[in-house]
């Protein structure tokens, strides 16, 4: 079970942002989707963008898949 990654965030198109605690966030490096870990001072900040018509990807926090 994953416990160190932040959860996926998603917007509703009206300026509201929600957290989905079923999925951990991932990054994309080529064809791989590594888990984005938060580790104290090593936490990296990013920007949140809404990309209409696109689906996010994540890692199931229960199964790690």
C-alpha atoms as a PDB file:
ATOM      1  CA  UNK A   1       0.000   0.000   0.000  1.00  0.00           C
ATOM      2  CA  UNK A   2       1.348   3.450  -0.943  1.00  0.00           C
ATOM      3  CA  UNK A   3       1.413   6.063   1.820  1.00  0.00           C
ATOM      4  CA  UNK A   4       4.064   8.633   0.863  1.00  0.00           C
ATOM      5  CA  UNK A   5       2.680  10.105  -2.365  1.00  0.00           C
ATOM      6  CA  UNK A   6       0.243  13.007  -2.621  1.00  0.00           C
ATOM      7  CA  UNK A   7      -3.178  12.191  -3.981  1.00  0.00           C
ATOM      8  CA  UNK A   8      -4.494  13.168  -7.420  1.00  0.00           C
ATOM      9  CA  UNK A   9      -6.118  16.580  -7.684  1.00  0.00           C
ATOM     10  CA  UNK A  10      -8.748  17.429 -10.273  1.00  0.00           C
ATOM     11  CA  UNK A  11     -10.885  20.488 -11.125  1.00  0.00           C
ATOM     12  CA  UNK A  12     -14.602  20.615 -11.864  1.00  0.00           C
ATOM     13  CA  UNK A  13     -14.313  23.295 -14.568  1.00  0.00           C
ATOM     14  CA  UNK A  14     -15.809  25.956 -12.287  1.00  0.00           C
ATOM     15  CA  UNK A  15     -12.680  26.844 -10.324  1.00  0.00           C
ATOM     16  CA  UNK A  16     -13.040  24.166  -7.628  1.00  0.00           C
ATOM     17  CA  UNK A  17     -10.269  21.637  -6.989  1.00  0.00           C
ATOM     18  CA  UNK A  18     -10.851  18.211  -5.445  1.00  0.00           C
ATOM     19  CA  UNK A  19      -8.554  15.521  -4.053  1.00  0.00           C
ATOM     20  CA  UNK A  20      -9.127  11.867  -5.017  1.00  0.00           C
ATOM     21  CA  UNK A  21      -7.752   9.764  -2.165  1.00  0.00           C
ATOM     22  CA  UNK A  22      -8.107   6.549  -4.201  1.00  0.00           C
ATOM     23  CA  UNK A  23      -5.149   7.418  -6.452  1.00  0.00           C
ATOM     24  CA  UNK A  24      -1.603   8.669  -5.840  1.00  0.00           C
ATOM     25  CA  UNK A  25      -0.089  11.136  -8.292  1.00  0.00           C
ATOM     26  CA  UNK A  26       2.415  10.068 -10.904  1.00  0.00           C
ATOM     27  CA  UNK A  27       4.765  11.840 -13.268  1.00  0.00           C
ATOM     28  CA  UNK A  28       5.599  10.908 -16.819  1.00  0.00           C
ATOM     29  CA  UNK A  29       9.142  10.080 -17.925  1.00  0.00           C
ATOM     30  CA  UNK A  30       9.099   8.647 -21.428  1.00  0.00           C
ATOM     31  CA  UNK A  31       6.845   5.596 -21.314  1.00  0.00           C
ATOM     32  CA  UNK A  32       7.100   5.258 -17.522  1.00  0.00           C
ATOM     33  CA  UNK A  33       4.819   6.763 -14.871  1.00  0.00           C
ATOM     34  CA  UNK A  34       6.794   6.954 -11.622  1.00  0.00           C
ATOM     35  CA  UNK A  35       5.053   7.809  -8.372  1.00  0.00           C
ATOM     36  CA  UNK A  36       5.678  11.393  -7.217  1.00  0.00           C
ATOM     37  CA  UNK A  37       6.873  11.114  -3.634  1.00  0.00           C
ATOM     38  CA  UNK A  38       6.844  13.821  -1.013  1.00  0.00           C
ATOM     39  CA  UNK A  39       9.768  13.525   1.360  1.00  0.00           C
ATOM     40  CA  UNK A  40      10.104  16.450   3.784  1.00  0.00           C
ATOM     41  CA  UNK A  41      12.515  19.031   2.368  1.00  0.00           C
ATOM     42  CA  UNK A  42      12.659  17.092  -0.931  1.00  0.00           C
ATOM     43  CA  UNK A  43       9.040  17.983  -1.702  1.00  0.00           C
ATOM     44  CA  UNK A  44       8.859  19.494  -5.173  1.00  0.00           C
ATOM     45  CA  UNK A  45       6.142  21.974  -6.000  1.00  0.00           C
ATOM     46  CA  UNK A  46       4.484  22.251  -9.372  1.00  0.00           C
ATOM     47  CA  UNK A  47       1.651  23.989 -11.137  1.00  0.00           C
ATOM     48  CA  UNK A  48      -1.924  22.804 -11.466  1.00  0.00           C
ATOM     49  CA  UNK A  49      -3.467  23.107 -14.915  1.00  0.00           C
ATOM     50  CA  UNK A  50      -6.904  22.175 -16.149  1.00  0.00           C
ATOM     51  CA  UNK A  51      -6.736  20.230 -19.410  1.00  0.00           C
ATOM     52  CA  UNK A  52     -10.334  19.784 -20.625  1.00  0.00           C
ATOM     53  CA  UNK A  53     -11.097  16.516 -22.373  1.00  0.00           C
ATOM     54  CA  UNK A  54      -8.089  14.713 -20.931  1.00  0.00           C
ATOM     55  CA  UNK A  55      -7.976  12.019 -18.282  1.00  0.00           C
ATOM     56  CA  UNK A  56      -5.466  11.890 -15.469  1.00  0.00           C
ATOM     57  CA  UNK A  57      -3.430   8.849 -14.500  1.00  0.00           C
ATOM     58  CA  UNK A  58      -2.564   7.628 -11.042  1.00  0.00           C
ATOM     59  CA  UNK A  59      -1.540   4.689  -8.924  1.00  0.00           C
ATOM     60  CA  UNK A  60      -4.223   2.870  -6.940  1.00  0.00           C
ATOM     61  CA  UNK A  61      -3.223   3.448  -3.299  1.00  0.00           C
ATOM     62  CA  UNK A  62      -4.527   0.038  -2.216  1.00  0.00           C
ATOM     63  CA  UNK A  63      -2.953  -2.154  -4.893  1.00  0.00           C
ATOM     64  CA  UNK A  64      -0.004  -0.052  -6.129  1.00  0.00           C
ATOM     65  CA  UNK A  65      -1.147  -0.626  -9.739  1.00  0.00           C
END
